[in-house]
Amino acid sequence: MKFPCEEVANKILPAIRAEIATKLANEYGLKQIEISKILGVTQGAVSHYLSSFRGKERELLSKNPDIGKKIDEMAAMLIKGEFDEKHICKICKKLRELSSPHF
């Protein structure tokens, strides 16, 4: 039996990181090494997020525009050094509501 948080850790969090990495690269012009420091992952992981090798569940995130707004807020907070992990829980909850048969 898998718990909902296991599914989130395996599928959703990588998708969120991929979305944030893409925003930081495209909208904020950051290099992979800068993104890796902000996200606390390796530069190789960032490369995989940007190339969609990791975070393949990104389509789940696009099902609700509120999730996109939260990801935008998270990216801005990360840039400012004001990240609040409560956003992750809000996104997770929304995704579980949208995808209840999957989680």
C-alpha atoms as a PDB file:
ATOM      1  CA  MET A   1       0.000   0.000   0.000  1.00  0.00           C
ATOM      2  CA  LYS A   2       1.312   3.408  -0.940  1.00  0.00           C
ATOM      3  CA  PHE A   3       0.350   6.470   1.026  1.00  0.00           C
ATOM      4  CA  PRO A   4      -0.633   9.675  -0.804  1.00  0.00           C
ATOM      5  CA  CYS A   5       2.532  11.445   0.301  1.00  0.00           C
ATOM      6  CA  GLU A   6       4.657   8.703  -1.286  1.00  0.00           C
ATOM      7  CA  GLU A   7       2.993   9.328  -4.635  1.00  0.00           C
ATOM      8  CA  VAL A   8       3.525  13.041  -4.198  1.00  0.00           C
ATOM      9  CA  ALA A   9       7.201  12.559  -3.352  1.00  0.00           C
ATOM     10  CA  ASN A  10       7.744  10.287  -6.347  1.00  0.00           C
ATOM     11  CA  LYS A  11       5.695  12.129  -8.970  1.00  0.00           C
ATOM     12  CA  ILE A  12       4.454  15.554  -7.950  1.00  0.00           C
ATOM     13  CA  LEU A  13       7.457  17.091  -6.203  1.00  0.00           C
ATOM     14  CA  PRO A  14       9.751  16.368  -9.179  1.00  0.00           C
ATOM     15  CA  ALA A  15       7.136  17.944 -11.470  1.00  0.00           C
ATOM     16  CA  ILE A  16       6.953  21.026  -9.236  1.00  0.00           C
ATOM     17  CA  ARG A  17      10.756  21.277  -9.179  1.00  0.00           C
ATOM     18  CA  ALA A  18      10.807  20.938 -12.967  1.00  0.00           C
ATOM     19  CA  GLU A  19       8.278  23.751 -13.344  1.00  0.00           C
ATOM     20  CA  ILE A  20      10.159  25.979 -10.918  1.00  0.00           C
ATOM     21  CA  ALA A  21      13.506  25.221 -12.589  1.00  0.00           C
ATOM     22  CA  THR A  22      12.012  26.130 -15.971  1.00  0.00           C
ATOM     23  CA  LYS A  23      10.615  29.404 -14.608  1.00  0.00           C
ATOM     24  CA  LEU A  24      13.903  30.300 -12.943  1.00  0.00           C
ATOM     25  CA  ALA A  25      15.769  29.635 -16.180  1.00  0.00           C
ATOM     26  CA  ASN A  26      13.347  31.202 -18.655  1.00  0.00           C
ATOM     27  CA  GLU A  27      11.761  34.047 -16.704  1.00  0.00           C
ATOM     28  CA  TYR A  28      14.590  34.965 -14.345  1.00  0.00           C
ATOM     29  CA  GLY A  29      17.514  34.089 -16.635  1.00  0.00           C
ATOM     30  CA  LEU A  30      19.316  31.971 -14.051  1.00  0.00           C
ATOM     31  CA  LYS A  31      21.973  29.441 -14.975  1.00  0.00           C
ATOM     32  CA  GLN A  32      21.629  25.786 -14.009  1.00  0.00           C
ATOM     33  CA  ILE A  33      24.219  26.072 -11.235  1.00  0.00           C
ATOM     34  CA  GLU A  34      22.314  29.026  -9.713  1.00  0.00           C
ATOM     35  CA  ILE A  35      19.045  27.102  -9.912  1.00  0.00           C
ATOM     36  CA  SER A  36      20.664  24.068  -8.298  1.00  0.00           C
ATOM     37  CA  LYS A  37      21.745  26.157  -5.315  1.00  0.00           C
ATOM     38  CA  ILE A  38      18.279  27.659  -4.913  1.00  0.00           C
ATOM     39  CA  LEU A  39      16.504  24.289  -5.163  1.00  0.00           C
ATOM     40  CA  GLY A  40      19.103  22.391  -3.146  1.00  0.00           C
ATOM     41  CA  VAL A  41      19.739  19.830  -5.876  1.00  0.00           C
ATOM     42  CA  THR A  42      22.674  19.089  -8.164  1.00  0.00           C
ATOM     43  CA  GLN A  43      23.269  20.889 -11.445  1.00  0.00           C
ATOM     44  CA  GLY A  44      22.694  17.525 -13.154  1.00  0.00           C
ATOM     45  CA  ALA A  45      19.249  17.274 -11.571  1.00  0.00           C
ATOM     46  CA  VAL A  46      18.421  20.762 -12.854  1.00  0.00           C
ATOM     47  CA  SER A  47      19.537  19.703 -16.326  1.00  0.00           C
ATOM     48  CA  HIS A  48      17.182  16.720 -16.108  1.00  0.00           C
ATOM     49  CA  TYR A  49      14.309  18.934 -14.940  1.00  0.00           C
ATOM     50  CA  LEU A  50      14.859  21.369 -17.802  1.00  0.00           C
ATOM     51  CA  SER A  51      15.036  18.601 -20.395  1.00  0.00           C
ATOM     52  CA  SER A  52      11.919  16.878 -18.935  1.00  0.00           C
ATOM     53  CA  PHE A  53      13.941  13.751 -18.114  1.00  0.00           C
ATOM     54  CA  ARG A  54      12.752  14.238 -14.526  1.00  0.00           C
ATOM     55  CA  GLY A  55       9.386  15.653 -13.502  1.00  0.00           C
ATOM     56  CA  LYS A  56       7.437  13.940 -16.264  1.00  0.00           C
ATOM     57  CA  GLU A  57       4.149  14.329 -14.387  1.00  0.00           C
ATOM     58  CA  ARG A  58       4.001  18.034 -15.226  1.00  0.00           C
ATOM     59  CA  GLU A  59       0.679  17.641 -17.035  1.00  0.00           C
ATOM     60  CA  LEU A  60      -0.985  17.046 -13.656  1.00  0.00           C
ATOM     61  CA  LEU A  61       0.065  20.545 -12.643  1.00  0.00           C
ATOM     62  CA  SER A  62      -1.627  22.168 -15.633  1.00  0.00           C
ATOM     63  CA  LYS A  63      -5.078  20.844 -14.695  1.00  0.00           C
ATOM     64  CA  ASN A  64      -5.687  23.745 -12.334  1.00  0.00           C
ATOM     65  CA  PRO A  65      -4.668  27.375 -12.945  1.00  0.00           C
ATOM     66  CA  ASP A  66      -4.360  27.942  -9.182  1.00  0.00           C
ATOM     67  CA  ILE A  67      -1.450  25.523  -9.133  1.00  0.00           C
ATOM     68  CA  GLY A  68       0.355  27.547 -11.805  1.00  0.00           C
ATOM     69  CA  LYS A  69      -0.146  30.674  -9.706  1.00  0.00           C
ATOM     70  CA  LYS A  70       1.287  28.928  -6.628  1.00  0.00           C
ATOM     71  CA  ILE A  71       4.307  27.783  -8.633  1.00  0.00           C
ATOM     72  CA  ASP A  72       4.827  31.365  -9.846  1.00  0.00           C
ATOM     73  CA  GLU A  73       4.641  32.570  -6.241  1.00  0.00           C
ATOM     74  CA  MET A  74       7.083  29.883  -5.127  1.00  0.00           C
ATOM     75  CA  ALA A  75       9.591  30.827  -7.836  1.00  0.00           C
ATOM     76  CA  ALA A  76       9.402  34.497  -6.837  1.00  0.00           C
ATOM     77  CA  MET A  77       9.792  33.618  -3.155  1.00  0.00           C
ATOM     78  CA  LEU A  78      12.794  31.397  -3.904  1.00  0.00           C
ATOM     79  CA  ILE A  79      14.454  34.234  -5.833  1.00  0.00           C
ATOM     80  CA  LYS A  80      13.935  36.563  -2.864  1.00  0.00           C
ATOM     81  CA  GLY A  81      15.012  33.938  -0.328  1.00  0.00           C
ATOM     82  CA  GLU A  82      11.552  33.983   1.253  1.00  0.00           C
ATOM     83  CA  PHE A  83      10.375  30.467   0.410  1.00  0.00           C
ATOM     84  CA  ASP A  84       7.550  29.124   2.540  1.00  0.00           C
ATOM     85  CA  GLU A  85       7.096  25.360   2.310  1.00  0.00           C
ATOM     86  CA  LYS A  86       3.393  25.681   3.078  1.00  0.00           C
ATOM     87  CA  HIS A  87       2.896  26.287  -0.647  1.00  0.00           C
ATOM     88  CA  ILE A  88       3.991  22.718  -1.386  1.00  0.00           C
ATOM     89  CA  CYS A  89       1.267  21.370   0.917  1.00  0.00           C
ATOM     90  CA  LYS A  90      -1.374  23.574  -0.728  1.00  0.00           C
ATOM     91  CA  ILE A  91      -0.375  22.385  -4.204  1.00  0.00           C
ATOM     92  CA  CYS A  92      -0.311  18.769  -3.043  1.00  0.00           C
ATOM     93  CA  LYS A  93      -3.779  19.051  -1.555  1.00  0.00           C
ATOM     94  CA  LYS A  94      -5.175  20.603  -4.751  1.00  0.00           C
ATOM     95  CA  LEU A  95      -3.587  17.904  -6.885  1.00  0.00           C
ATOM     96  CA  ARG A  96      -4.965  15.138  -4.705  1.00  0.00           C
ATOM     97  CA  GLU A  97      -8.443  16.694  -5.024  1.00  0.00           C
ATOM     98  CA  LEU A  98      -8.105  16.829  -8.807  1.00  0.00           C
ATOM     99  CA  SER A  99      -6.618  13.375  -9.169  1.00  0.00           C
ATOM    100  CA  SER A 100      -8.267  11.451  -6.364  1.00  0.00           C
ATOM    101  CA  PRO A 101      -8.330   8.138  -8.317  1.00  0.00           C
ATOM    102  CA  HIS A 102      -4.555   8.411  -8.876  1.00  0.00           C
ATOM    103  CA  PHE A 103      -3.656   9.172  -5.253  1.00  0.00           C
END
